[in-house]
Amino acid sequence: MRLHHTLDSALSGGITGAVLNAWKRGARGTYPGMMFGSAFCALGQFLHNELDVQRIKYVSQRLLSSSSRLPSPKYLARLREERATCLQRIAELEARAEFDKDSKHHPST
């Protein structure tokens, strides 16, 4: 990932440097302009890629460290209470559904 598009940048920088330096200094400036443009653009692309790599490392480390921390005991107690409430509500709804199912099969006269 550190070398992603580095060759492309070096090639385009070399062409641009050669053209601009030849325009400014004539034919004798073509080769030095190409070398400088290639090196400058390749280095710039490499630095850009390195910043991306460091950003990805930083974000992934932050995600790993935040996901590995355990919740506080108060938070766990609140979650357990919510779970108990939900399980009780589920049991009530299942009982009501069973009652409704039985009353449909055995209508009162």
Protein backbone atom coordinates (compact mmCIF):
# COMPACT_ATOMS: atom_id res chain seq x y z
CA MET A 1 0.00 0.00 0.00
CA ARG A 2 2.94 2.32 0.57
CA LEU A 3 3.91 2.11 -3.11
CA HIS A 4 0.38 2.48 -4.49
CA HIS A 5 0.45 4.76 -7.59
CA THR A 6 4.09 5.73 -6.93
CA LEU A 7 5.26 4.61 -10.37
CA ASP A 8 2.38 6.45 -12.03
CA SER A 9 3.24 9.64 -10.16
CA ALA A 10 6.92 9.32 -11.01
CA LEU A 11 6.13 8.87 -14.69
CA SER A 12 3.72 11.78 -14.90
CA GLY A 13 6.04 13.97 -12.82
CA GLY A 14 8.96 13.11 -15.08
CA ILE A 15 7.04 14.01 -18.21
CA THR A 16 5.77 17.25 -16.68
CA GLY A 17 9.22 18.17 -15.33
CA ALA A 18 10.85 17.46 -18.69
CA VAL A 19 8.34 19.58 -20.59
CA LEU A 20 8.43 22.51 -18.15
CA ASN A 21 12.23 22.54 -17.80
CA ALA A 22 12.72 22.18 -21.56
CA TRP A 23 10.35 25.09 -22.10
CA LYS A 24 12.32 27.21 -19.62
CA ARG A 25 15.91 26.15 -20.47
CA GLY A 26 15.68 24.57 -23.89
CA ALA A 27 16.57 21.02 -24.89
CA ARG A 28 19.40 20.80 -22.36
CA GLY A 29 16.89 21.08 -19.49
CA THR A 30 14.83 18.05 -20.53
CA TYR A 31 16.76 15.35 -18.69
CA PRO A 32 17.32 17.25 -15.41
CA GLY A 33 13.65 18.31 -15.40
CA MET A 34 12.57 14.73 -15.95
CA MET A 35 14.75 13.45 -13.10
CA PHE A 36 13.68 16.15 -10.66
CA GLY A 37 9.98 15.83 -11.57
CA SER A 38 10.08 12.05 -11.23
CA ALA A 39 11.81 12.12 -7.85
CA PHE A 40 9.66 14.93 -6.49
CA CYS A 41 6.33 13.37 -7.50
CA ALA A 42 7.32 9.84 -6.45
CA LEU A 43 8.38 11.15 -3.04
CA GLY A 44 5.16 13.12 -2.70
CA GLN A 45 3.07 10.07 -3.58
CA PHE A 46 5.05 7.88 -1.18
CA LEU A 47 4.52 10.38 1.67
CA HIS A 48 0.80 10.55 0.91
CA ASN A 49 0.57 6.76 0.99
CA GLU A 50 2.54 6.61 4.25
CA LEU A 51 0.11 9.05 5.86
CA ASP A 52 -2.77 6.80 4.76
CA VAL A 53 -1.06 3.74 6.26
CA GLN A 54 -0.48 5.55 9.56
CA ARG A 55 -4.11 6.76 9.61
CA ILE A 56 -5.38 3.21 9.06
CA LYS A 57 -3.13 1.88 11.83
CA TYR A 58 -4.33 4.57 14.22
CA VAL A 59 -8.00 3.96 13.50
CA SER A 60 -7.68 0.18 13.76
CA GLN A 61 -5.84 0.44 17.08
CA ARG A 62 -8.53 2.78 18.42
CA LEU A 63 -11.25 0.35 17.36
CA LEU A 64 -9.45 -2.62 18.92
CA SER A 65 -8.78 -0.84 22.20
CA SER A 66 -12.34 0.47 22.50
CA SER A 67 -13.88 -2.93 21.76
CA SER A 68 -11.68 -4.76 24.26
CA ARG A 69 -12.70 -2.65 27.25
CA LEU A 70 -15.34 -4.17 29.51
CA PRO A 71 -18.41 -2.13 30.40
CA SER A 72 -18.71 -0.71 33.91
CA PRO A 73 -20.58 -2.74 36.57
CA LYS A 74 -23.38 -0.13 36.74
CA TYR A 75 -23.87 -0.41 33.00
CA LEU A 76 -23.95 -4.21 33.27
CA ALA A 77 -26.53 -4.06 36.06
CA ARG A 78 -28.75 -1.80 33.95
CA LEU A 79 -28.46 -4.16 30.98
CA ARG A 80 -29.37 -7.14 33.17
CA GLU A 81 -32.47 -5.31 34.43
CA GLU A 82 -33.50 -4.47 30.88
CA ARG A 83 -32.95 -8.09 29.84
CA ALA A 84 -35.08 -9.35 32.74
CA THR A 85 -37.85 -6.90 31.84
CA CYS A 86 -37.74 -7.97 28.20
CA LEU A 87 -37.80 -11.68 29.08
CA GLN A 88 -40.79 -11.11 31.36
CA ARG A 89 -42.61 -9.21 28.61
CA ILE A 90 -41.85 -12.00 26.12
CA ALA A 91 -43.26 -14.58 28.53
CA GLU A 92 -46.44 -12.50 28.97
CA LEU A 93 -46.89 -12.12 25.21
CA GLU A 94 -46.33 -15.83 24.62
CA ALA A 95 -48.89 -16.69 27.30
CA ARG A 96 -51.40 -14.27 25.77
CA ALA A 97 -50.79 -15.73 22.30
CA GLU A 98 -51.33 -19.25 23.67
CA PHE A 99 -54.53 -18.15 25.41
CA ASP A 100 -55.83 -16.53 22.21
CA LYS A 101 -54.98 -19.65 20.23
CA ASP A 102 -56.82 -21.89 22.74
CA SER A 103 -59.89 -19.61 22.86
CA LYS A 104 -60.21 -19.75 19.06
CA HIS A 105 -60.19 -23.54 19.10
CA HIS A 106 -62.66 -23.79 22.00
CA PRO A 107 -65.24 -21.03 21.62
CA SER A 108 -67.56 -20.57 24.59
CA THR A 109 -71.30 -21.21 24.00
